[in-house]
């Protein structure tokens, strides 16, 4: 059990195993603990004697399928974190390093903790945008390799963080409502600021989601253009060689009364006719700017 002594209320961090041993009489908390271990959502729940905050934080990996889960129980003068990831200790040390633990009220501590949770999220979204731009540039340059796999990864990751910011915003709004009366007016002001900041992250994630949808449209456009170029090339080749195909078909019929077959210059005449037909076809295509 760890306690933070820099504030005048108790901040306690225990593991889930310690919670099951020490909180036998608090079946409601143990029930919440079991739920958070299986959940993929962040949620605030109001209870008569406490406020519970369940966190499920996606890791910023290539597929964002790993999550850090912990439970926060808030009462009038106590904050209890149930965590076995080590994240809570890291966040509190970061808060201490940034000297944001000077306020002597529980609301400001929760505000600072939530601020620490979303610290660096804007930079992450900028990097996410750079990844989308990189894929877009590859598409425009004609590189379609693994596009579907890349898009699936981008869409999945964007959806996870879009929902994550939405859930954090719900928690912040629940803190603003202050149904238990644990927070003073100043804390409620900070919670409004927190809601606005998370709302900005949510909006940025929405913009990136729209950008991702547009990316598929760009891909489809470039793919159609590529297909059109291929079809154009095939059409030109077919058009150029059509007269030659007619000549081959004509003289391949082998009728008895075809004077060219016995003419001494018949072979040369067919060669000249083929070259002439080919030249006329190419001239017509160039004149009409197909070449």
C-alpha atoms as a PDB file:
ATOM      1  CA  UNK A   1       0.000   0.000   0.000  1.00  0.00           C
ATOM      2  CA  UNK A   2       1.378   3.410  -1.041  1.00  0.00           C
ATOM      3  CA  UNK A   3       0.236   6.815   0.179  1.00  0.00           C
ATOM      4  CA  UNK A   4       0.990  10.216  -1.279  1.00  0.00           C
ATOM      5  CA  UNK A   5       1.875  12.629   1.557  1.00  0.00           C
ATOM      6  CA  UNK A   6       2.018  15.808  -0.537  1.00  0.00           C
ATOM      7  CA  UNK A   7      -1.711  16.511  -0.075  1.00  0.00           C
ATOM      8  CA  UNK A   8      -3.890  16.725   3.022  1.00  0.00           C
ATOM      9  CA  UNK A   9      -6.265  13.980   1.876  1.00  0.00           C
ATOM     10  CA  UNK A  10      -5.365  10.323   1.484  1.00  0.00           C
ATOM     11  CA  UNK A  11      -4.230   8.983  -1.877  1.00  0.00           C
ATOM     12  CA  UNK A  12      -3.844   5.225  -1.697  1.00  0.00           C
ATOM     13  CA  UNK A  13      -2.638   2.806  -4.352  1.00  0.00           C
ATOM     14  CA  UNK A  14      -3.241  -0.914  -3.964  1.00  0.00           C
ATOM     15  CA  UNK A  15      -3.180  -3.894  -6.274  1.00  0.00           C
ATOM     16  CA  UNK A  16      -6.315  -5.893  -7.156  1.00  0.00           C
ATOM     17  CA  UNK A  17      -5.077  -8.735  -4.925  1.00  0.00           C
ATOM     18  CA  UNK A  18      -4.706  -6.365  -1.978  1.00  0.00           C
ATOM     19  CA  UNK A  19      -8.141  -4.916  -2.730  1.00  0.00           C
ATOM     20  CA  UNK A  20      -9.762  -8.354  -2.556  1.00  0.00           C
ATOM     21  CA  UNK A  21      -8.059  -8.992   0.785  1.00  0.00           C
ATOM     22  CA  UNK A  22      -8.727  -5.600   2.364  1.00  0.00           C
ATOM     23  CA  UNK A  23     -12.149  -4.704   0.924  1.00  0.00           C
ATOM     24  CA  UNK A  24     -14.127  -7.816   1.751  1.00  0.00           C
ATOM     25  CA  UNK A  25     -16.874  -5.661   3.265  1.00  0.00           C
ATOM     26  CA  UNK A  26     -17.159  -3.508   0.134  1.00  0.00           C
ATOM     27  CA  UNK A  27     -18.767  -5.896  -2.302  1.00  0.00           C
ATOM     28  CA  UNK A  28     -19.796  -3.022  -4.589  1.00  0.00           C
ATOM     29  CA  UNK A  29     -16.167  -1.971  -5.103  1.00  0.00           C
ATOM     30  CA  UNK A  30     -15.096  -5.562  -5.736  1.00  0.00           C
ATOM     31  CA  UNK A  31     -17.891  -5.888  -8.278  1.00  0.00           C
ATOM     32  CA  UNK A  32     -16.632  -2.749 -10.061  1.00  0.00           C
ATOM     33  CA  UNK A  33     -13.089  -4.129  -9.976  1.00  0.00           C
ATOM     34  CA  UNK A  34     -14.205  -7.317 -11.710  1.00  0.00           C
ATOM     35  CA  UNK A  35     -16.036  -5.278 -14.328  1.00  0.00           C
ATOM     36  CA  UNK A  36     -13.107  -2.998 -15.132  1.00  0.00           C
ATOM     37  CA  UNK A  37     -10.830  -5.989 -15.715  1.00  0.00           C
ATOM     38  CA  UNK A  38     -13.074  -7.090 -18.584  1.00  0.00           C
ATOM     39  CA  UNK A  39     -14.154  -3.685 -19.853  1.00  0.00           C
ATOM     40  CA  UNK A  40     -12.926  -1.636 -22.790  1.00  0.00           C
ATOM     41  CA  UNK A  41     -14.560   1.595 -21.703  1.00  0.00           C
ATOM     42  CA  UNK A  42     -13.831   4.487 -19.364  1.00  0.00           C
ATOM     43  CA  UNK A  43     -16.800   5.255 -17.156  1.00  0.00           C
ATOM     44  CA  UNK A  44     -17.883   7.251 -14.100  1.00  0.00           C
ATOM     45  CA  UNK A  45     -20.468   5.799 -11.705  1.00  0.00           C
ATOM     46  CA  UNK A  46     -22.093   7.670  -8.823  1.00  0.00           C
ATOM     47  CA  UNK A  47     -22.731   5.727  -5.619  1.00  0.00           C
ATOM     48  CA  UNK A  48     -24.217   6.945  -2.316  1.00  0.00           C
ATOM     49  CA  UNK A  49     -20.883   7.032  -0.476  1.00  0.00           C
ATOM     50  CA  UNK A  50     -18.349   7.298  -3.284  1.00  0.00           C
ATOM     51  CA  UNK A  51     -17.691   8.054  -6.946  1.00  0.00           C
ATOM     52  CA  UNK A  52     -16.003   5.398  -9.058  1.00  0.00           C
ATOM     53  CA  UNK A  53     -13.943   6.090 -12.178  1.00  0.00           C
ATOM     54  CA  UNK A  54     -13.127   3.093 -14.358  1.00  0.00           C
ATOM     55  CA  UNK A  55     -10.286   3.616 -16.799  1.00  0.00           C
ATOM     56  CA  UNK A  56      -9.336   1.578 -19.855  1.00  0.00           C
ATOM     57  CA  UNK A  57      -6.507   3.429 -21.579  1.00  0.00           C
ATOM     58  CA  UNK A  58      -5.423   2.237 -25.054  1.00  0.00           C
ATOM     59  CA  UNK A  59      -1.702   1.891 -25.598  1.00  0.00           C
ATOM     60  CA  UNK A  60      -0.253   3.919 -28.440  1.00  0.00           C
ATOM     61  CA  UNK A  61       0.976   0.946 -30.439  1.00  0.00           C
ATOM     62  CA  UNK A  62       0.607   0.149 -34.137  1.00  0.00           C
ATOM     63  CA  UNK A  63      -2.761  -1.534 -33.612  1.00  0.00           C
ATOM     64  CA  UNK A  64      -3.879  -0.067 -30.246  1.00  0.00           C
ATOM     65  CA  UNK A  65      -5.174  -3.431 -29.030  1.00  0.00           C
ATOM     66  CA  UNK A  66      -3.442  -3.307 -25.623  1.00  0.00           C
ATOM     67  CA  UNK A  67      -5.129  -1.516 -22.737  1.00  0.00           C
ATOM     68  CA  UNK A  68      -4.148  -0.349 -19.256  1.00  0.00           C
ATOM     69  CA  UNK A  69      -7.028  -0.788 -16.817  1.00  0.00           C
ATOM     70  CA  UNK A  70      -7.429   0.564 -13.309  1.00  0.00           C
ATOM     71  CA  UNK A  71     -10.136   1.716 -10.931  1.00  0.00           C
ATOM     72  CA  UNK A  72     -10.345   4.974  -8.968  1.00  0.00           C
ATOM     73  CA  UNK A  73     -12.647   5.278  -5.939  1.00  0.00           C
ATOM     74  CA  UNK A  74     -13.285   8.826  -4.712  1.00  0.00           C
ATOM     75  CA  UNK A  75     -14.873   9.668  -1.357  1.00  0.00           C
ATOM     76  CA  UNK A  76     -14.962  12.950   0.550  1.00  0.00           C
ATOM     77  CA  UNK A  77     -11.395  12.802   1.894  1.00  0.00           C
ATOM     78  CA  UNK A  78      -9.917   9.755   0.173  1.00  0.00           C
ATOM     79  CA  UNK A  79      -8.840   8.609  -3.244  1.00  0.00           C
ATOM     80  CA  UNK A  80      -8.224   4.912  -3.740  1.00  0.00           C
ATOM     81  CA  UNK A  81      -6.513   3.604  -6.871  1.00  0.00           C
ATOM     82  CA  UNK A  82      -6.687  -0.117  -7.597  1.00  0.00           C
ATOM     83  CA  UNK A  83      -4.017  -0.838 -10.147  1.00  0.00           C
ATOM     84  CA  UNK A  84      -1.498  -3.542 -11.014  1.00  0.00           C
ATOM     85  CA  UNK A  85      -0.007  -1.874 -14.111  1.00  0.00           C
ATOM     86  CA  UNK A  86       2.266   0.595 -12.317  1.00  0.00           C
ATOM     87  CA  UNK A  87       0.713   3.423 -14.300  1.00  0.00           C
ATOM     88  CA  UNK A  88      -0.709   5.253 -11.297  1.00  0.00           C
ATOM     89  CA  UNK A  89       2.681   5.620  -9.648  1.00  0.00           C
ATOM     90  CA  UNK A  90       4.071   6.899 -12.937  1.00  0.00           C
ATOM     91  CA  UNK A  91       1.283   9.489 -13.329  1.00  0.00           C
ATOM     92  CA  UNK A  92       1.630  10.763  -9.758  1.00  0.00           C
ATOM     93  CA  UNK A  93       5.411  11.091 -10.114  1.00  0.00           C
ATOM     94  CA  UNK A  94       4.818  13.026 -13.310  1.00  0.00           C
ATOM     95  CA  UNK A  95       2.371  15.299 -11.478  1.00  0.00           C
ATOM     96  CA  UNK A  96       4.931  15.870  -8.733  1.00  0.00           C
ATOM     97  CA  UNK A  97       7.626  16.593 -11.294  1.00  0.00           C
ATOM     98  CA  UNK A  98       5.398  19.184 -12.938  1.00  0.00           C
ATOM     99  CA  UNK A  99       4.610  20.658  -9.496  1.00  0.00           C
ATOM    100  CA  UNK A 100       0.860  20.426  -9.921  1.00  0.00           C
ATOM    101  CA  UNK A 101       0.149  18.915  -6.486  1.00  0.00           C
ATOM    102  CA  UNK A 102       0.222  22.202  -4.560  1.00  0.00           C
ATOM    103  CA  UNK A 103      -3.555  22.553  -4.385  1.00  0.00           C
ATOM    104  CA  UNK A 104      -4.995  21.191  -1.123  1.00  0.00           C
ATOM    105  CA  UNK A 105      -8.330  19.892  -2.387  1.00  0.00           C
ATOM    106  CA  UNK A 106      -9.433  16.603  -3.824  1.00  0.00           C
ATOM    107  CA  UNK A 107     -11.045  18.119  -6.921  1.00  0.00           C
ATOM    108  CA  UNK A 108      -7.838  19.769  -8.101  1.00  0.00           C
ATOM    109  CA  UNK A 109      -5.963  16.505  -7.609  1.00  0.00           C
ATOM    110  CA  UNK A 110      -8.452  14.673  -9.856  1.00  0.00           C
ATOM    111  CA  UNK A 111      -8.217  17.485 -12.413  1.00  0.00           C
ATOM    112  CA  UNK A 112      -4.410  17.314 -12.413  1.00  0.00           C
ATOM    113  CA  UNK A 113      -4.540  13.533 -12.681  1.00  0.00           C
ATOM    114  CA  UNK A 114      -6.882  13.661 -15.697  1.00  0.00           C
ATOM    115  CA  UNK A 115      -4.702  16.360 -17.271  1.00  0.00           C
ATOM    116  CA  UNK A 116      -1.717  14.066 -16.869  1.00  0.00           C
ATOM    117  CA  UNK A 117      -3.654  11.243 -18.531  1.00  0.00           C
ATOM    118  CA  UNK A 118      -4.205  13.289 -21.690  1.00  0.00           C
ATOM    119  CA  UNK A 119      -0.798  14.937 -21.683  1.00  0.00           C
ATOM    120  CA  UNK A 120       0.844  14.267 -25.032  1.00  0.00           C
ATOM    121  CA  UNK A 121      -2.411  13.239 -26.743  1.00  0.00           C
ATOM    122  CA  UNK A 122      -2.312  16.204 -29.123  1.00  0.00           C
ATOM    123  CA  UNK A 123       1.224  15.256 -30.171  1.00  0.00           C
ATOM    124  CA  UNK A 124       0.028  11.700 -30.731  1.00  0.00           C
ATOM    125  CA  UNK A 125      -2.800  12.956 -32.968  1.00  0.00           C
ATOM    126  CA  UNK A 126      -0.302  15.026 -34.959  1.00  0.00           C
ATOM    127  CA  UNK A 127       1.831  11.921 -35.488  1.00  0.00           C
ATOM    128  CA  UNK A 128      -1.302   9.998 -36.455  1.00  0.00           C
ATOM    129  CA  UNK A 129      -2.063  12.699 -39.034  1.00  0.00           C
ATOM    130  CA  UNK A 130       1.488  12.370 -40.405  1.00  0.00           C
ATOM    131  CA  UNK A 131       0.908   8.640 -40.885  1.00  0.00           C
ATOM    132  CA  UNK A 132      -2.240   9.337 -42.897  1.00  0.00           C
ATOM    133  CA  UNK A 133      -0.397  11.937 -45.004  1.00  0.00           C
ATOM    134  CA  UNK A 134       2.346   9.393 -45.687  1.00  0.00           C
ATOM    135  CA  UNK A 135      -0.218   6.876 -46.951  1.00  0.00           C
ATOM    136  CA  UNK A 136      -1.871   9.581 -49.061  1.00  0.00           C
ATOM    137  CA  UNK A 137       1.456  10.540 -50.673  1.00  0.00           C
ATOM    138  CA  UNK A 138       2.135   6.884 -51.440  1.00  0.00           C
ATOM    139  CA  UNK A 139      -1.260   6.573 -53.133  1.00  0.00           C
ATOM    140  CA  UNK A 140      -0.742   9.711 -55.234  1.00  0.00           C
ATOM    141  CA  UNK A 141       2.673   8.409 -56.327  1.00  0.00           C
ATOM    142  CA  UNK A 142       1.030   5.154 -57.441  1.00  0.00           C
ATOM    143  CA  UNK A 143       2.088   2.897 -54.571  1.00  0.00           C
ATOM    144  CA  UNK A 144      -0.944   0.761 -53.697  1.00  0.00           C
ATOM    145  CA  UNK A 145       0.940  -1.930 -51.780  1.00  0.00           C
ATOM    146  CA  UNK A 146      -0.849  -3.154 -48.621  1.00  0.00           C
ATOM    147  CA  UNK A 147      -3.316  -0.280 -48.801  1.00  0.00           C
ATOM    148  CA  UNK A 148      -6.224  -2.290 -47.392  1.00  0.00           C
ATOM    149  CA  UNK A 149      -4.136  -3.521 -44.455  1.00  0.00           C
ATOM    150  CA  UNK A 150      -2.860  -0.016 -43.711  1.00  0.00           C
ATOM    151  CA  UNK A 151      -6.381   1.419 -43.906  1.00  0.00           C
ATOM    152  CA  UNK A 152      -7.770  -1.262 -41.607  1.00  0.00           C
ATOM    153  CA  UNK A 153      -5.071  -0.508 -39.019  1.00  0.00           C
ATOM    154  CA  UNK A 154      -5.607   3.261 -39.265  1.00  0.00           C
ATOM    155  CA  UNK A 155      -9.391   3.000 -39.016  1.00  0.00           C
ATOM    156  CA  UNK A 156      -9.275   0.633 -36.039  1.00  0.00           C
ATOM    157  CA  UNK A 157      -6.805   2.791 -34.137  1.00  0.00           C
ATOM    158  CA  UNK A 158      -8.694   5.992 -34.905  1.00  0.00           C
ATOM    159  CA  UNK A 159     -11.997   4.484 -33.752  1.00  0.00           C
ATOM    160  CA  UNK A 160     -10.462   3.284 -30.466  1.00  0.00           C
ATOM    161  CA  UNK A 161      -9.070   6.717 -29.578  1.00  0.00           C
ATOM    162  CA  UNK A 162     -12.168   8.531 -30.842  1.00  0.00           C
ATOM    163  CA  UNK A 163     -14.255   6.492 -28.405  1.00  0.00           C
ATOM    164  CA  UNK A 164     -11.619   6.883 -25.683  1.00  0.00           C
ATOM    165  CA  UNK A 165     -11.800  10.691 -25.817  1.00  0.00           C
ATOM    166  CA  UNK A 166     -15.588  10.533 -25.879  1.00  0.00           C
ATOM    167  CA  UNK A 167     -15.588   8.393 -22.727  1.00  0.00           C
ATOM    168  CA  UNK A 168     -13.113  10.697 -20.957  1.00  0.00           C
ATOM    169  CA  UNK A 169     -15.384  13.607 -21.811  1.00  0.00           C
ATOM    170  CA  UNK A 170     -18.312  11.760 -20.221  1.00  0.00           C
ATOM    171  CA  UNK A 171     -16.230  11.247 -17.054  1.00  0.00           C
ATOM    172  CA  UNK A 172     -15.310  14.933 -16.946  1.00  0.00           C
ATOM    173  CA  UNK A 173     -18.955  15.946 -17.351  1.00  0.00           C
ATOM    174  CA  UNK A 174     -19.925  13.544 -14.558  1.00  0.00           C
ATOM    175  CA  UNK A 175     -17.321  15.194 -12.329  1.00  0.00           C
ATOM    176  CA  UNK A 176     -18.856  18.570 -13.166  1.00  0.00           C
ATOM    177  CA  UNK A 177     -22.271  17.416 -12.010  1.00  0.00           C
ATOM    178  CA  UNK A 178     -20.794  16.776  -8.538  1.00  0.00           C
ATOM    179  CA  UNK A 179     -23.740  14.688  -7.349  1.00  0.00           C
ATOM    180  CA  UNK A 180     -21.936  13.616  -4.173  1.00  0.00           C
ATOM    181  CA  UNK A 181     -20.840  17.159  -3.332  1.00  0.00           C
ATOM    182  CA  UNK A 182     -17.175  16.168  -2.989  1.00  0.00           C
ATOM    183  CA  UNK A 183     -15.825  19.102  -5.026  1.00  0.00           C
ATOM    184  CA  UNK A 184     -15.818  22.862  -4.433  1.00  0.00           C
ATOM    185  CA  UNK A 185     -16.709  25.552  -6.993  1.00  0.00           C
ATOM    186  CA  UNK A 186     -13.103  26.055  -8.025  1.00  0.00           C
ATOM    187  CA  UNK A 187     -12.782  22.361  -8.823  1.00  0.00           C
ATOM    188  CA  UNK A 188     -15.944  22.477 -10.921  1.00  0.00           C
ATOM    189  CA  UNK A 189     -14.382  25.328 -12.919  1.00  0.00           C
ATOM    190  CA  UNK A 190     -11.311  23.171 -13.552  1.00  0.00           C
ATOM    191  CA  UNK A 191     -13.517  20.273 -14.624  1.00  0.00           C
ATOM    192  CA  UNK A 192     -15.152  22.550 -17.209  1.00  0.00           C
ATOM    193  CA  UNK A 193     -11.693  23.388 -18.547  1.00  0.00           C
ATOM    194  CA  UNK A 194     -10.903  19.679 -18.630  1.00  0.00           C
ATOM    195  CA  UNK A 195     -14.103  18.936 -20.547  1.00  0.00           C
ATOM    196  CA  UNK A 196     -13.222  21.596 -23.114  1.00  0.00           C
ATOM    197  CA  UNK A 197      -9.714  20.247 -23.581  1.00  0.00           C
ATOM    198  CA  UNK A 198     -10.859  16.653 -23.987  1.00  0.00           C
ATOM    199  CA  UNK A 199     -13.543  17.944 -26.342  1.00  0.00           C
ATOM    200  CA  UNK A 200     -10.807  19.440 -28.525  1.00  0.00           C
ATOM    201  CA  UNK A 201      -9.031  16.086 -28.651  1.00  0.00           C
ATOM    202  CA  UNK A 202     -12.324  14.418 -29.539  1.00  0.00           C
ATOM    203  CA  UNK A 203     -12.872  16.930 -32.339  1.00  0.00           C
ATOM    204  CA  UNK A 204      -9.330  16.389 -33.658  1.00  0.00           C
ATOM    205  CA  UNK A 205      -9.951  12.634 -33.683  1.00  0.00           C
ATOM    206  CA  UNK A 206     -13.198  13.238 -35.596  1.00  0.00           C
ATOM    207  CA  UNK A 207     -11.338  15.326 -38.181  1.00  0.00           C
ATOM    208  CA  UNK A 208      -8.811  12.526 -38.597  1.00  0.00           C
ATOM    209  CA  UNK A 209     -11.652  10.030 -38.996  1.00  0.00           C
ATOM    210  CA  UNK A 210     -13.115  12.172 -41.791  1.00  0.00           C
ATOM    211  CA  UNK A 211      -9.646  12.448 -43.324  1.00  0.00           C
ATOM    212  CA  UNK A 212      -9.376   8.657 -43.267  1.00  0.00           C
ATOM    213  CA  UNK A 213     -12.702   8.364 -45.095  1.00  0.00           C
ATOM    214  CA  UNK A 214     -11.467  10.862 -47.697  1.00  0.00           C
ATOM    215  CA  UNK A 215      -8.299   8.806 -48.061  1.00  0.00           C
ATOM    216  CA  UNK A 216     -10.300   5.865 -49.346  1.00  0.00           C
ATOM    217  CA  UNK A 217     -11.930   8.184 -51.876  1.00  0.00           C
ATOM    218  CA  UNK A 218      -8.485   9.361 -53.010  1.00  0.00           C
ATOM    219  CA  UNK A 219      -7.382   5.742 -53.311  1.00  0.00           C
ATOM    220  CA  UNK A 220     -10.430   4.855 -55.392  1.00  0.00           C
ATOM    221  CA  UNK A 221      -9.872   7.876 -57.648  1.00  0.00           C
ATOM    222  CA  UNK A 222      -6.202   7.040 -58.198  1.00  0.00           C
ATOM    223  CA  UNK A 223      -7.044   3.377 -58.750  1.00  0.00           C
ATOM    224  CA  UNK A 224      -9.705   4.300 -61.327  1.00  0.00           C
ATOM    225  CA  UNK A 225      -7.235   6.624 -63.072  1.00  0.00           C
ATOM    226  CA  UNK A 226      -4.698   3.813 -63.194  1.00  0.00           C
ATOM    227  CA  UNK A 227      -7.296   1.451 -64.622  1.00  0.00           C
ATOM    228  CA  UNK A 228      -8.314   4.072 -67.188  1.00  0.00           C
ATOM    229  CA  UNK A 229      -4.687   4.452 -68.296  1.00  0.00           C
ATOM    230  CA  UNK A 230      -4.413   0.697 -68.729  1.00  0.00           C
ATOM    231  CA  UNK A 231      -7.654   0.596 -70.708  1.00  0.00           C
ATOM    232  CA  UNK A 232      -6.500   3.541 -72.803  1.00  0.00           C
ATOM    233  CA  UNK A 233      -3.233   1.765 -73.607  1.00  0.00           C
ATOM    234  CA  UNK A 234      -5.055  -1.429 -74.535  1.00  0.00           C
ATOM    235  CA  UNK A 235      -7.487   0.528 -76.712  1.00  0.00           C
ATOM    236  CA  UNK A 236      -4.635   2.284 -78.532  1.00  0.00           C
ATOM    237  CA  UNK A 237      -2.810  -0.997 -79.145  1.00  0.00           C
ATOM    238  CA  UNK A 238      -6.028  -2.601 -80.400  1.00  0.00           C
ATOM    239  CA  UNK A 239      -6.761   0.372 -82.674  1.00  0.00           C
ATOM    240  CA  UNK A 240      -3.253   0.435 -84.132  1.00  0.00           C
ATOM    241  CA  UNK A 241      -3.170  -3.259 -84.895  1.00  0.00           C
ATOM    242  CA  UNK A 242      -6.771  -3.551 -86.141  1.00  0.00           C
ATOM    243  CA  UNK A 243      -5.845  -2.709 -89.788  1.00  0.00           C
ATOM    244  CA  UNK A 244      -3.022  -5.255 -89.625  1.00  0.00           C
ATOM    245  CA  UNK A 245      -5.470  -7.829 -88.274  1.00  0.00           C
ATOM    246  CA  UNK A 246      -7.804  -7.135 -91.222  1.00  0.00           C
ATOM    247  CA  UNK A 247      -4.934  -7.541 -93.692  1.00  0.00           C
ATOM    248  CA  UNK A 248      -3.851 -10.816 -92.093  1.00  0.00           C
ATOM    249  CA  UNK A 249      -7.434 -12.074 -92.115  1.00  0.00           C
ATOM    250  CA  UNK A 250      -7.950 -10.989 -95.699  1.00  0.00           C
ATOM    251  CA  UNK A 251      -4.902 -12.676 -97.109  1.00  0.00           C
ATOM    252  CA  UNK A 252      -5.276 -15.685 -94.878  1.00  0.00           C
ATOM    253  CA  UNK A 253      -8.462 -16.748 -96.689  1.00  0.00           C
ATOM    254  CA  UNK A 254      -6.432 -18.414 -99.519  1.00  0.00           C
ATOM    255  CA  UNK A 255      -9.001 -18.086-102.295  1.00  0.00           C
ATOM    256  CA  UNK A 256      -7.839 -19.483-105.619  1.00  0.00           C
ATOM    257  CA  UNK A 257      -8.506 -16.282-107.552  1.00  0.00           C
ATOM    258  CA  UNK A 258      -6.310 -13.943-105.474  1.00  0.00           C
ATOM    259  CA  UNK A 259      -3.852 -12.476-107.997  1.00  0.00           C
ATOM    260  CA  UNK A 260      -1.613 -11.081-105.241  1.00  0.00           C
ATOM    261  CA  UNK A 261      -0.694 -14.610-104.171  1.00  0.00           C
ATOM    262  CA  UNK A 262       1.088 -15.276-107.466  1.00  0.00           C
ATOM    263  CA  UNK A 263       2.337 -11.720-108.085  1.00  0.00           C
ATOM    264  CA  UNK A 264       6.105 -11.319-107.760  1.00  0.00           C
ATOM    265  CA  UNK A 265       5.687  -8.146-105.694  1.00  0.00           C
ATOM    266  CA  UNK A 266       2.719  -9.360-103.669  1.00  0.00           C
ATOM    267  CA  UNK A 267       4.759  -9.905-100.497  1.00  0.00           C
ATOM    268  CA  UNK A 268       6.388  -6.473-100.722  1.00  0.00           C
ATOM    269  CA  UNK A 269       2.998  -4.888-101.449  1.00  0.00           C
ATOM    270  CA  UNK A 270       1.470  -6.397 -98.282  1.00  0.00           C
ATOM    271  CA  UNK A 271       4.430  -5.150 -96.226  1.00  0.00           C
ATOM    272  CA  UNK A 272       4.039  -1.652 -97.664  1.00  0.00           C
ATOM    273  CA  UNK A 273       0.275  -1.768 -97.100  1.00  0.00           C
ATOM    274  CA  UNK A 274       0.779  -2.792 -93.453  1.00  0.00           C
ATOM    275  CA  UNK A 275       3.293   0.003 -92.833  1.00  0.00           C
ATOM    276  CA  UNK A 276       0.963   2.521 -94.485  1.00  0.00           C
ATOM    277  CA  UNK A 277      -2.036   1.383 -92.425  1.00  0.00           C
ATOM    278  CA  UNK A 278       0.041   1.490 -89.237  1.00  0.00           C
ATOM    279  CA  UNK A 279       1.347   4.987 -90.033  1.00  0.00           C
ATOM    280  CA  UNK A 280      -2.148   6.314 -90.789  1.00  0.00           C
ATOM    281  CA  UNK A 281      -3.466   4.858 -87.508  1.00  0.00           C
ATOM    282  CA  UNK A 282      -0.659   6.467 -85.503  1.00  0.00           C
ATOM    283  CA  UNK A 283      -1.162   9.820 -87.314  1.00  0.00           C
ATOM    284  CA  UNK A 284      -4.880   9.817 -86.515  1.00  0.00           C
ATOM    285  CA  UNK A 285      -4.216   8.998 -82.851  1.00  0.00           C
ATOM    286  CA  UNK A 286      -1.616  11.773 -82.536  1.00  0.00           C
ATOM    287  CA  UNK A 287      -3.868  14.268 -84.289  1.00  0.00           C
ATOM    288  CA  UNK A 288      -6.657  13.533 -81.815  1.00  0.00           C
ATOM    289  CA  UNK A 289      -4.146  13.670 -78.916  1.00  0.00           C
ATOM    290  CA  UNK A 290      -4.586  10.068 -77.878  1.00  0.00           C
ATOM    291  CA  UNK A 291      -0.792   9.701 -77.927  1.00  0.00           C
END
